[in-house]
Amino acid sequence: HLETFAGDALLVSTPAGSTAYNFSAGGSILYQQLEGYQLTPLA
């Protein structure tokens, strides 16, 4: 268990998608060949 999130939304992005909505929401840019993905909170 990591957290009980409360907020507007959660965003799960790929490295290729990290420069899209994720970046606008304050997430990090991941080089698109990195082997991982990203969880980004919205508000």
PDB file of all heavy atoms in Angstrom:
ATOM      1  N   HIS A   1       0.843  -1.195   0.000  1.00  0.00           N
ATOM      2  CA  HIS A   1       0.000   0.000   0.000  1.00  0.00           C
ATOM      3  C   HIS A   1       0.874   1.240   0.000  1.00  0.00           C
ATOM      4  O   HIS A   1       1.720   1.437   0.873  1.00  0.00           O
ATOM      5  CB  HIS A   1      -0.925   0.013   1.214  1.00  0.00           C
ATOM      6  CG  HIS A   1      -1.875   1.169   1.207  1.00  0.00           C
ATOM      7  ND1 HIS A   1      -1.644   2.322   1.926  1.00  0.00           N
ATOM      8  CD2 HIS A   1      -3.046   1.364   0.542  1.00  0.00           C
ATOM      9  CE1 HIS A   1      -2.649   3.173   1.712  1.00  0.00           C
ATOM     10  NE2 HIS A   1      -3.502   2.617   0.888  1.00  0.00           N
ATOM     11  N   LEU A   2       0.687   2.085  -1.008  1.00  0.00           N
ATOM     12  CA  LEU A   2       1.477   3.310  -1.145  1.00  0.00           C
ATOM     13  C   LEU A   2       0.766   4.503  -0.539  1.00  0.00           C
ATOM     14  O   LEU A   2       1.342   5.262   0.251  1.00  0.00           O
ATOM     15  CB  LEU A   2       1.782   3.569  -2.624  1.00  0.00           C
ATOM     16  CG  LEU A   2       2.541   4.850  -2.948  1.00  0.00           C
ATOM     17  CD1 LEU A   2       3.969   4.772  -2.406  1.00  0.00           C
ATOM     18  CD2 LEU A   2       2.561   5.112  -4.453  1.00  0.00           C
ATOM     19  N   GLU A   3      -0.495   4.688  -0.907  1.00  0.00           N
ATOM     20  CA  GLU A   3      -1.240   5.847  -0.446  1.00  0.00           C
ATOM     21  C   GLU A   3      -2.728   5.627  -0.676  1.00  0.00           C
ATOM     22  O   GLU A   3      -3.134   4.758  -1.452  1.00  0.00           O
ATOM     23  CB  GLU A   3      -0.809   7.106  -1.214  1.00  0.00           C
ATOM     24  CG  GLU A   3      -1.116   7.033  -2.710  1.00  0.00           C
ATOM     25  CD  GLU A   3      -0.799   8.322  -3.471  1.00  0.00           C
ATOM     26  OE1 GLU A   3      -0.639   9.369  -2.830  1.00  0.00           O
ATOM     27  OE2 GLU A   3      -0.728   8.262  -4.710  1.00  0.00           O
ATOM     28  N   THR A   4      -3.530   6.416   0.025  1.00  0.00           N
ATOM     29  CA  THR A   4      -4.935   6.566  -0.320  1.00  0.00           C
ATOM     30  C   THR A   4      -5.059   7.943  -0.945  1.00  0.00           C
ATOM     31  O   THR A   4      -5.058   8.960  -0.255  1.00  0.00           O
ATOM     32  CB  THR A   4      -5.841   6.425   0.897  1.00  0.00           C
ATOM     33  OG1 THR A   4      -5.690   5.105   1.438  1.00  0.00           O
ATOM     34  CG2 THR A   4      -7.300   6.629   0.520  1.00  0.00           C
ATOM     35  N   PHE A   5      -5.107   7.942  -2.267  1.00  0.00           N
ATOM     36  CA  PHE A   5      -5.085   9.204  -3.008  1.00  0.00           C
ATOM     37  C   PHE A   5      -6.442   9.874  -2.954  1.00  0.00           C
ATOM     38  O   PHE A   5      -7.494   9.235  -3.085  1.00  0.00           O
ATOM     39  CB  PHE A   5      -4.714   8.940  -4.465  1.00  0.00           C
ATOM     40  CG  PHE A   5      -4.820  10.158  -5.349  1.00  0.00           C
ATOM     41  CD1 PHE A   5      -3.795  11.086  -5.406  1.00  0.00           C
ATOM     42  CD2 PHE A   5      -5.969  10.379  -6.109  1.00  0.00           C
ATOM     43  CE1 PHE A   5      -3.901  12.214  -6.213  1.00  0.00           C
ATOM     44  CE2 PHE A   5      -6.080  11.503  -6.917  1.00  0.00           C
ATOM     45  CZ  PHE A   5      -5.039  12.428  -6.964  1.00  0.00           C
ATOM     46  N   ALA A   6      -6.417  11.184  -2.790  1.00  0.00           N
ATOM     47  CA  ALA A   6      -7.615  12.013  -2.930  1.00  0.00           C
ATOM     48  C   ALA A   6      -7.219  13.213  -3.773  1.00  0.00           C
ATOM     49  O   ALA A   6      -6.217  13.878  -3.504  1.00  0.00           O
ATOM     50  CB  ALA A   6      -8.139  12.460  -1.570  1.00  0.00           C
ATOM     51  N   GLY A   7      -7.989  13.477  -4.804  1.00  0.00           N
ATOM     52  CA  GLY A   7      -7.673  14.594  -5.675  1.00  0.00           C
ATOM     53  C   GLY A   7      -8.473  14.534  -6.953  1.00  0.00           C
ATOM     54  O   GLY A   7      -9.463  13.804  -7.057  1.00  0.00           O
ATOM     55  N   ASP A   8      -8.046  15.291  -7.963  1.00  0.00           N
ATOM     56  CA  ASP A   8      -8.778  15.346  -9.225  1.00  0.00           C
ATOM     57  C   ASP A   8      -8.634  14.064 -10.043  1.00  0.00           C
ATOM     58  O   ASP A   8      -9.596  13.577 -10.629  1.00  0.00           O
ATOM     59  CB  ASP A   8      -8.302  16.531 -10.067  1.00  0.00           C
ATOM     60  CG  ASP A   8      -8.889  17.853  -9.605  1.00  0.00           C
ATOM     61  OD1 ASP A   8      -9.693  17.844  -8.648  1.00  0.00           O
ATOM     62  OD2 ASP A   8      -8.556  18.891 -10.200  1.00  0.00           O
ATOM     63  N   ALA A   9      -7.401  13.525 -10.124  1.00  0.00           N
ATOM     64  CA  ALA A   9      -7.173  12.360 -10.982  1.00  0.00           C
ATOM     65  C   ALA A   9      -5.779  11.814 -10.738  1.00  0.00           C
ATOM     66  O   ALA A   9      -4.912  12.483 -10.172  1.00  0.00           O
ATOM     67  CB  ALA A   9      -7.336  12.741 -12.457  1.00  0.00           C
ATOM     68  N   LEU A  10      -5.576  10.586 -11.186  1.00  0.00           N
ATOM     69  CA  LEU A  10      -4.243  10.001 -11.271  1.00  0.00           C
ATOM     70  C   LEU A  10      -3.937   9.702 -12.736  1.00  0.00           C
ATOM     71  O   LEU A  10      -4.824   9.308 -13.498  1.00  0.00           O
ATOM     72  CB  LEU A  10      -4.151   8.709 -10.450  1.00  0.00           C
ATOM     73  CG  LEU A  10      -3.986   8.872  -8.939  1.00  0.00           C
ATOM     74  CD1 LEU A  10      -4.062   7.523  -8.243  1.00  0.00           C
ATOM     75  CD2 LEU A  10      -2.668   9.570  -8.595  1.00  0.00           C
ATOM     76  N   LEU A  11      -2.688   9.893 -13.098  1.00  0.00           N
ATOM     77  CA  LEU A  11      -2.255   9.698 -14.476  1.00  0.00           C
ATOM     78  C   LEU A  11      -1.115   8.689 -14.472  1.00  0.00           C
ATOM     79  O   LEU A  11      -0.174   8.809 -13.687  1.00  0.00           O
ATOM     80  CB  LEU A  11      -1.808  11.047 -15.034  1.00  0.00           C
ATOM     81  CG  LEU A  11      -1.513  11.192 -16.518  1.00  0.00           C
ATOM     82  CD1 LEU A  11      -1.754  12.636 -16.940  1.00  0.00           C
ATOM     83  CD2 LEU A  11      -0.076  10.816 -16.824  1.00  0.00           C
ATOM     84  N   VAL A  12      -1.224   7.685 -15.328  1.00  0.00           N
ATOM     85  CA  VAL A  12      -0.179   6.662 -15.470  1.00  0.00           C
ATOM     86  C   VAL A  12       0.360   6.764 -16.887  1.00  0.00           C
ATOM     87  O   VAL A  12      -0.384   6.556 -17.854  1.00  0.00           O
ATOM     88  CB  VAL A  12      -0.728   5.249 -15.200  1.00  0.00           C
ATOM     89  CG1 VAL A  12       0.412   4.237 -15.189  1.00  0.00           C
ATOM     90  CG2 VAL A  12      -1.497   5.197 -13.883  1.00  0.00           C
ATOM     91  N   SER A  13       1.641   7.097 -17.026  1.00  0.00           N
ATOM     92  CA  SER A  13       2.168   7.392 -18.365  1.00  0.00           C
ATOM     93  C   SER A  13       3.375   6.529 -18.700  1.00  0.00           C
ATOM     94  O   SER A  13       4.141   6.103 -17.826  1.00  0.00           O
ATOM     95  CB  SER A  13       2.558   8.871 -18.485  1.00  0.00           C
ATOM     96  OG  SER A  13       3.661   9.162 -17.659  1.00  0.00           O
ATOM     97  N   THR A  14       3.533   6.287 -19.989  1.00  0.00           N
ATOM     98  CA  THR A  14       4.711   5.611 -20.519  1.00  0.00           C
ATOM     99  C   THR A  14       5.851   6.622 -20.647  1.00  0.00           C
ATOM    100  O   THR A  14       5.627   7.836 -20.579  1.00  0.00           O
ATOM    101  CB  THR A  14       4.415   5.029 -21.908  1.00  0.00           C
ATOM    102  OG1 THR A  14       4.170   6.115 -22.812  1.00  0.00           O
ATOM    103  CG2 THR A  14       3.204   4.105 -21.880  1.00  0.00           C
ATOM    104  N   PRO A  15       7.081   6.154 -20.874  1.00  0.00           N
ATOM    105  CA  PRO A  15       8.159   7.103 -21.180  1.00  0.00           C
ATOM    106  C   PRO A  15       7.851   7.958 -22.414  1.00  0.00           C
ATOM    107  O   PRO A  15       8.071   9.166 -22.410  1.00  0.00           O
ATOM    108  CB  PRO A  15       9.376   6.193 -21.406  1.00  0.00           C
ATOM    109  CG  PRO A  15       9.105   5.007 -20.542  1.00  0.00           C
ATOM    110  CD  PRO A  15       7.623   4.788 -20.653  1.00  0.00           C
ATOM    111  N   ALA A  16       7.314   7.327 -23.478  1.00  0.00           N
ATOM    112  CA  ALA A  16       6.979   8.102 -24.678  1.00  0.00           C
ATOM    113  C   ALA A  16       5.909   9.136 -24.379  1.00  0.00           C
ATOM    114  O   ALA A  16       5.913  10.240 -24.930  1.00  0.00           O
ATOM    115  CB  ALA A  16       6.522   7.170 -25.800  1.00  0.00           C
ATOM    116  N   GLY A  17       4.969   8.791 -23.498  1.00  0.00           N
ATOM    117  CA  GLY A  17       3.886   9.708 -23.146  1.00  0.00           C
ATOM    118  C   GLY A  17       4.245  10.706 -22.069  1.00  0.00           C
ATOM    119  O   GLY A  17       3.439  11.578 -21.735  1.00  0.00           O
ATOM    120  N   SER A  18       5.454  10.603 -21.524  1.00  0.00           N
ATOM    121  CA  SER A  18       5.818  11.494 -20.416  1.00  0.00           C
ATOM    122  C   SER A  18       5.925  12.946 -20.850  1.00  0.00           C
ATOM    123  O   SER A  18       5.870  13.855 -20.015  1.00  0.00           O
ATOM    124  CB  SER A  18       7.139  11.041 -19.783  1.00  0.00           C
ATOM    125  OG  SER A  18       8.233  11.216 -20.682  1.00  0.00           O
ATOM    126  N   THR A  19       6.082  13.200 -22.154  1.00  0.00           N
ATOM    127  CA  THR A  19       6.180  14.572 -22.649  1.00  0.00           C
ATOM    128  C   THR A  19       4.811  15.155 -22.995  1.00  0.00           C
ATOM    129  O   THR A  19       4.733  16.296 -23.458  1.00  0.00           O
ATOM    130  CB  THR A  19       7.074  14.628 -23.903  1.00  0.00           C
ATOM    131  OG1 THR A  19       6.591  13.685 -24.863  1.00  0.00           O
ATOM    132  CG2 THR A  19       8.518  14.296 -23.558  1.00  0.00           C
ATOM    133  N   ALA A  20       3.745  14.393 -22.786  1.00  0.00           N
ATOM    134  CA  ALA A  20       2.403  14.842 -23.154  1.00  0.00           C
ATOM    135  C   ALA A  20       1.663  15.360 -21.917  1.00  0.00           C
ATOM    136  O   ALA A  20       2.145  16.266 -21.241  1.00  0.00           O
ATOM    137  CB  ALA A  20       1.657  13.691 -23.842  1.00  0.00           C
ATOM    138  N   TYR A  21       0.504  14.791 -21.612  1.00  0.00           N
ATOM    139  CA  TYR A  21      -0.308  15.230 -20.471  1.00  0.00           C
ATOM    140  C   TYR A  21       0.505  15.179 -19.183  1.00  0.00           C
ATOM    141  O   TYR A  21       0.424  16.058 -18.327  1.00  0.00           O
ATOM    142  CB  TYR A  21      -1.538  14.320 -20.385  1.00  0.00           C
ATOM    143  CG  TYR A  21      -2.660  14.796 -19.486  1.00  0.00           C
ATOM    144  CD1 TYR A  21      -3.851  14.066 -19.416  1.00  0.00           C
ATOM    145  CD2 TYR A  21      -2.557  15.940 -18.709  1.00  0.00           C
ATOM    146  CE1 TYR A  21      -4.895  14.469 -18.605  1.00  0.00           C
ATOM    147  CE2 TYR A  21      -3.591  16.356 -17.901  1.00  0.00           C
ATOM    148  CZ  TYR A  21      -4.761  15.607 -17.845  1.00  0.00           C
ATOM    149  OH  TYR A  21      -5.790  16.005 -17.040  1.00  0.00           O
ATOM    150  N   ASN A  22       1.311  14.137 -19.032  1.00  0.00           N
ATOM    151  CA  ASN A  22       2.134  13.980 -17.835  1.00  0.00           C
ATOM    152  C   ASN A  22       3.010  15.197 -17.583  1.00  0.00           C
ATOM    153  O   ASN A  22       3.106  15.696 -16.456  1.00  0.00           O
ATOM    154  CB  ASN A  22       2.990  12.723 -17.975  1.00  0.00           C
ATOM    155  CG  ASN A  22       4.043  12.612 -16.897  1.00  0.00           C
ATOM    156  OD1 ASN A  22       3.757  12.250 -15.763  1.00  0.00           O
ATOM    157  ND2 ASN A  22       5.285  12.915 -17.240  1.00  0.00           N
ATOM    158  N   PHE A  23       3.680  15.679 -18.627  1.00  0.00           N
ATOM    159  CA  PHE A  23       4.559  16.837 -18.479  1.00  0.00           C
ATOM    160  C   PHE A  23       3.759  18.081 -18.103  1.00  0.00           C
ATOM    161  O   PHE A  23       4.180  18.867 -17.246  1.00  0.00           O
ATOM    162  CB  PHE A  23       5.329  17.060 -19.782  1.00  0.00           C
ATOM    163  CG  PHE A  23       6.294  18.206 -19.725  1.00  0.00           C
ATOM    164  CD1 PHE A  23       7.455  18.136 -18.978  1.00  0.00           C
ATOM    165  CD2 PHE A  23       6.047  19.378 -20.429  1.00  0.00           C
ATOM    166  CE1 PHE A  23       8.347  19.192 -18.927  1.00  0.00           C
ATOM    167  CE2 PHE A  23       6.928  20.439 -20.388  1.00  0.00           C
ATOM    168  CZ  PHE A  23       8.084  20.350 -19.629  1.00  0.00           C
ATOM    169  N   SER A  24       2.585  18.250 -18.724  1.00  0.00           N
ATOM    170  CA  SER A  24       1.727  19.397 -18.412  1.00  0.00           C
ATOM    171  C   SER A  24       1.247  19.349 -16.962  1.00  0.00           C
ATOM    172  O   SER A  24       0.985  20.393 -16.353  1.00  0.00           O
ATOM    173  CB  SER A  24       0.520  19.432 -19.353  1.00  0.00           C
ATOM    174  OG  SER A  24       0.932  19.582 -20.695  1.00  0.00           O
ATOM    175  N   ALA A  25       1.124  18.135 -16.413  1.00  0.00           N
ATOM    176  CA  ALA A  25       0.655  17.966 -15.038  1.00  0.00           C
ATOM    177  C   ALA A  25       1.787  18.039 -14.021  1.00  0.00           C
ATOM    178  O   ALA A  25       1.557  17.826 -12.821  1.00  0.00           O
ATOM    179  CB  ALA A  25      -0.070  16.627 -14.908  1.00  0.00           C
ATOM    180  N   GLY A  26       2.994  18.328 -14.473  1.00  0.00           N
ATOM    181  CA  GLY A  26       4.123  18.468 -13.556  1.00  0.00           C
ATOM    182  C   GLY A  26       4.953  17.223 -13.392  1.00  0.00           C
ATOM    183  O   GLY A  26       5.850  17.181 -12.540  1.00  0.00           O
ATOM    184  N   GLY A  27       4.697  16.171 -14.209  1.00  0.00           N
ATOM    185  CA  GLY A  27       5.494  14.959 -14.148  1.00  0.00           C
ATOM    186  C   GLY A  27       6.833  15.138 -14.825  1.00  0.00           C
ATOM    187  O   GLY A  27       7.099  16.134 -15.500  1.00  0.00           O
ATOM    188  N   SER A  28       7.686  14.156 -14.635  1.00  0.00           N
ATOM    189  CA  SER A  28       9.032  14.200 -15.202  1.00  0.00           C
ATOM    190  C   SER A  28       9.037  13.685 -16.638  1.00  0.00           C
ATOM    191  O   SER A  28       8.190  12.878 -17.024  1.00  0.00           O
ATOM    192  CB  SER A  28       9.984  13.344 -14.370  1.00  0.00           C
ATOM    193  OG  SER A  28      10.072  13.831 -13.046  1.00  0.00           O
ATOM    194  N   ILE A  29      10.008  14.141 -17.424  1.00  0.00           N
ATOM    195  CA  ILE A  29      10.234  13.592 -18.753  1.00  0.00           C
ATOM    196  C   ILE A  29      11.129  12.367 -18.607  1.00  0.00           C
ATOM    197  O   ILE A  29      12.217  12.444 -18.028  1.00  0.00           O
ATOM    198  CB  ILE A  29      10.894  14.630 -19.676  1.00  0.00           C
ATOM    199  CG1 ILE A  29       9.941  15.793 -19.951  1.00  0.00           C
ATOM    200  CG2 ILE A  29      11.317  13.977 -20.990  1.00  0.00           C
ATOM    201  CD1 ILE A  29      10.548  16.891 -20.804  1.00  0.00           C
ATOM    202  N   LEU A  30      10.670  11.225 -19.120  1.00  0.00           N
ATOM    203  CA  LEU A  30      11.465  10.005 -19.136  1.00  0.00           C
ATOM    204  C   LEU A  30      11.889   9.728 -20.565  1.00  0.00           C
ATOM    205  O   LEU A  30      11.053   9.742 -21.468  1.00  0.00           O
ATOM    206  CB  LEU A  30      10.658   8.814 -18.602  1.00  0.00           C
ATOM    207  CG  LEU A  30      10.110   8.904 -17.181  1.00  0.00           C
ATOM    208  CD1 LEU A  30       9.426   7.591 -16.809  1.00  0.00           C
ATOM    209  CD2 LEU A  30      11.200   9.218 -16.183  1.00  0.00           C
ATOM    210  N   TYR A  31      13.172   9.455 -20.758  1.00  0.00           N
ATOM    211  CA  TYR A  31      13.629   9.083 -22.100  1.00  0.00           C
ATOM    212  C   TYR A  31      12.828   7.875 -22.554  1.00  0.00           C
ATOM    213  O   TYR A  31      12.609   6.929 -21.788  1.00  0.00           O
ATOM    214  CB  TYR A  31      15.120   8.772 -22.083  1.00  0.00           C
ATOM    215  CG  TYR A  31      15.672   8.458 -23.452  1.00  0.00           C
ATOM    216  CD1 TYR A  31      15.711   9.432 -24.440  1.00  0.00           C
ATOM    217  CD2 TYR A  31      16.140   7.187 -23.758  1.00  0.00           C
ATOM    218  CE1 TYR A  31      16.218   9.148 -25.699  1.00  0.00           C
ATOM    219  CE2 TYR A  31      16.651   6.893 -25.013  1.00  0.00           C
ATOM    220  CZ  TYR A  31      16.676   7.885 -25.986  1.00  0.00           C
ATOM    221  OH  TYR A  31      17.156   7.602 -27.227  1.00  0.00           O
ATOM    222  N   GLN A  32      12.380   7.887 -23.812  1.00  0.00           N
ATOM    223  CA  GLN A  32      11.362   6.935 -24.241  1.00  0.00           C
ATOM    224  C   GLN A  32      11.829   5.487 -24.308  1.00  0.00           C
ATOM    225  O   GLN A  32      11.017   4.584 -24.431  1.00  0.00           O
ATOM    226  CB  GLN A  32      10.768   7.350 -25.579  1.00  0.00           C
ATOM    227  CG  GLN A  32      11.753   7.559 -26.690  1.00  0.00           C
ATOM    228  CD  GLN A  32      11.116   8.267 -27.876  1.00  0.00           C
ATOM    229  OE1 GLN A  32      10.049   8.851 -27.777  1.00  0.00           O
ATOM    230  NE2 GLN A  32      11.768   8.191 -29.015  1.00  0.00           N
ATOM    231  N   GLN A  33      13.123   5.222 -24.176  1.00  0.00           N
ATOM    232  CA  GLN A  33      13.605   3.844 -24.141  1.00  0.00           C
ATOM    233  C   GLN A  33      13.864   3.350 -22.714  1.00  0.00           C
ATOM    234  O   GLN A  33      14.268   2.198 -22.529  1.00  0.00           O
ATOM    235  CB  GLN A  33      14.882   3.713 -24.971  1.00  0.00           C
ATOM    236  CG  GLN A  33      14.696   4.027 -26.441  1.00  0.00           C
ATOM    237  CD  GLN A  33      13.651   3.142 -27.104  1.00  0.00           C
ATOM    238  OE1 GLN A  33      13.665   1.928 -26.953  1.00  0.00           O
ATOM    239  NE2 GLN A  33      12.723   3.753 -27.829  1.00  0.00           N
ATOM    240  N   LEU A  34      13.612   4.192 -21.709  1.00  0.00           N
ATOM    241  CA  LEU A  34      13.765   3.747 -20.330  1.00  0.00           C
ATOM    242  C   LEU A  34      12.718   2.693 -19.999  1.00  0.00           C
ATOM    243  O   LEU A  34      11.575   2.769 -20.446  1.00  0.00           O
ATOM    244  CB  LEU A  34      13.626   4.931 -19.360  1.00  0.00           C
ATOM    245  CG  LEU A  34      14.786   5.919 -19.314  1.00  0.00           C
ATOM    246  CD1 LEU A  34      14.476   7.070 -18.370  1.00  0.00           C
ATOM    247  CD2 LEU A  34      16.078   5.227 -18.887  1.00  0.00           C
ATOM    248  N   GLU A  35      13.096   1.718 -19.190  1.00  0.00           N
ATOM    249  CA  GLU A  35      12.213   0.604 -18.887  1.00  0.00           C
ATOM    250  C   GLU A  35      11.471   0.865 -17.578  1.00  0.00           C
ATOM    251  O   GLU A  35      11.834   0.366 -16.510  1.00  0.00           O
ATOM    252  CB  GLU A  35      13.009  -0.702 -18.829  1.00  0.00           C
ATOM    253  CG  GLU A  35      13.634  -1.073 -20.158  1.00  0.00           C
ATOM    254  CD  GLU A  35      14.263  -2.448 -20.159  1.00  0.00           C
ATOM    255  OE1 GLU A  35      14.412  -3.034 -19.070  1.00  0.00           O
ATOM    256  OE2 GLU A  35      14.589  -2.947 -21.239  1.00  0.00           O
ATOM    257  N   GLY A  36      10.438   1.653 -17.673  1.00  0.00           N
ATOM    258  CA  GLY A  36       9.622   1.966 -16.508  1.00  0.00           C
ATOM    259  C   GLY A  36       8.430   2.797 -16.933  1.00  0.00           C
ATOM    260  O   GLY A  36       8.227   3.054 -18.118  1.00  0.00           O
ATOM    261  N   TYR A  37       7.629   3.213 -15.965  1.00  0.00           N
ATOM    262  CA  TYR A  37       6.502   4.086 -16.247  1.00  0.00           C
ATOM    263  C   TYR A  37       6.288   4.993 -15.047  1.00  0.00           C
ATOM    264  O   TYR A  37       7.044   4.917 -14.062  1.00  0.00           O
ATOM    265  CB  TYR A  37       5.248   3.284 -16.620  1.00  0.00           C
ATOM    266  CG  TYR A  37       4.766   2.251 -15.618  1.00  0.00           C
ATOM    267  CD1 TYR A  37       3.588   2.440 -14.907  1.00  0.00           C
ATOM    268  CD2 TYR A  37       5.455   1.057 -15.417  1.00  0.00           C
ATOM    269  CE1 TYR A  37       3.123   1.482 -14.023  1.00  0.00           C
ATOM    270  CE2 TYR A  37       5.001   0.100 -14.549  1.00  0.00           C
ATOM    271  CZ  TYR A  37       3.829   0.316 -13.836  1.00  0.00           C
ATOM    272  OH  TYR A  37       3.353  -0.636 -12.957  1.00  0.00           O
ATOM    273  N   GLN A  38       5.296   5.863 -15.113  1.00  0.00           N
ATOM    274  CA  GLN A  38       5.213   6.964 -14.158  1.00  0.00           C
ATOM    275  C   GLN A  38       3.796   7.164 -13.657  1.00  0.00           C
ATOM    276  O   GLN A  38       2.833   7.084 -14.426  1.00  0.00           O
ATOM    277  CB  GLN A  38       5.722   8.241 -14.849  1.00  0.00           C
ATOM    278  CG  GLN A  38       5.946   9.414 -13.938  1.00  0.00           C
ATOM    279  CD  GLN A  38       6.708  10.545 -14.641  1.00  0.00           C
ATOM    280  OE1 GLN A  38       6.939  11.584 -14.060  1.00  0.00           O
ATOM    281  NE2 GLN A  38       7.100  10.341 -15.899  1.00  0.00           N
ATOM    282  N   LEU A  39       3.690   7.416 -12.353  1.00  0.00           N
ATOM    283  CA  LEU A  39       2.423   7.750 -11.708  1.00  0.00           C
ATOM    284  C   LEU A  39       2.460   9.213 -11.307  1.00  0.00           C
ATOM    285  O   LEU A  39       3.348   9.634 -10.558  1.00  0.00           O
ATOM    286  CB  LEU A  39       2.205   6.865 -10.478  1.00  0.00           C
ATOM    287  CG  LEU A  39       0.980   7.183  -9.610  1.00  0.00           C
ATOM    288  CD1 LEU A  39      -0.309   6.874 -10.361  1.00  0.00           C
ATOM    289  CD2 LEU A  39       1.038   6.404  -8.298  1.00  0.00           C
ATOM    290  N   THR A  40       1.517   9.995 -11.804  1.00  0.00           N
ATOM    291  CA  THR A  40       1.516  11.440 -11.565  1.00  0.00           C
ATOM    292  C   THR A  40       0.165  11.874 -11.014  1.00  0.00           C
ATOM    293  O   THR A  40      -0.878  11.583 -11.608  1.00  0.00           O
ATOM    294  CB  THR A  40       1.817  12.212 -12.862  1.00  0.00           C
ATOM    295  OG1 THR A  40       3.082  11.791 -13.371  1.00  0.00           O
ATOM    296  CG2 THR A  40       1.841  13.709 -12.625  1.00  0.00           C
ATOM    297  N   PRO A  41       0.149  12.578  -9.868  1.00  0.00           N
ATOM    298  CA  PRO A  41      -1.114  13.056  -9.306  1.00  0.00           C
ATOM    299  C   PRO A  41      -1.567  14.350  -9.964  1.00  0.00           C
ATOM    300  O   PRO A  41      -0.748  15.188 -10.345  1.00  0.00           O
ATOM    301  CB  PRO A  41      -0.762  13.282  -7.838  1.00  0.00           C
ATOM    302  CG  PRO A  41       0.687  13.667  -7.861  1.00  0.00           C
ATOM    303  CD  PRO A  41       1.307  12.906  -9.010  1.00  0.00           C
ATOM    304  N   LEU A  42      -2.869  14.514 -10.102  1.00  0.00           N
ATOM    305  CA  LEU A  42      -3.456  15.755 -10.589  1.00  0.00           C
ATOM    306  C   LEU A  42      -4.248  16.384  -9.451  1.00  0.00           C
ATOM    307  O   LEU A  42      -5.216  15.802  -8.964  1.00  0.00           O
ATOM    308  CB  LEU A  42      -4.369  15.515 -11.793  1.00  0.00           C
ATOM    309  CG  LEU A  42      -3.690  15.426 -13.169  1.00  0.00           C
ATOM    310  CD1 LEU A  42      -2.838  14.173 -13.279  1.00  0.00           C
ATOM    311  CD2 LEU A  42      -4.726  15.458 -14.276  1.00  0.00           C
ATOM    312  N   ALA A  43      -3.786  17.555  -9.013  1.00  0.00           N
ATOM    313  CA  ALA A  43      -4.409  18.306  -7.918  1.00  0.00           C
ATOM    314  C   ALA A  43      -4.646  17.428  -6.701  1.00  0.00           C
ATOM    315  O   ALA A  43      -5.780  17.270  -6.234  1.00  0.00           O
ATOM    316  CB  ALA A  43      -5.720  18.948  -8.383  1.00  0.00           C
TER     317      ALA A  43
END
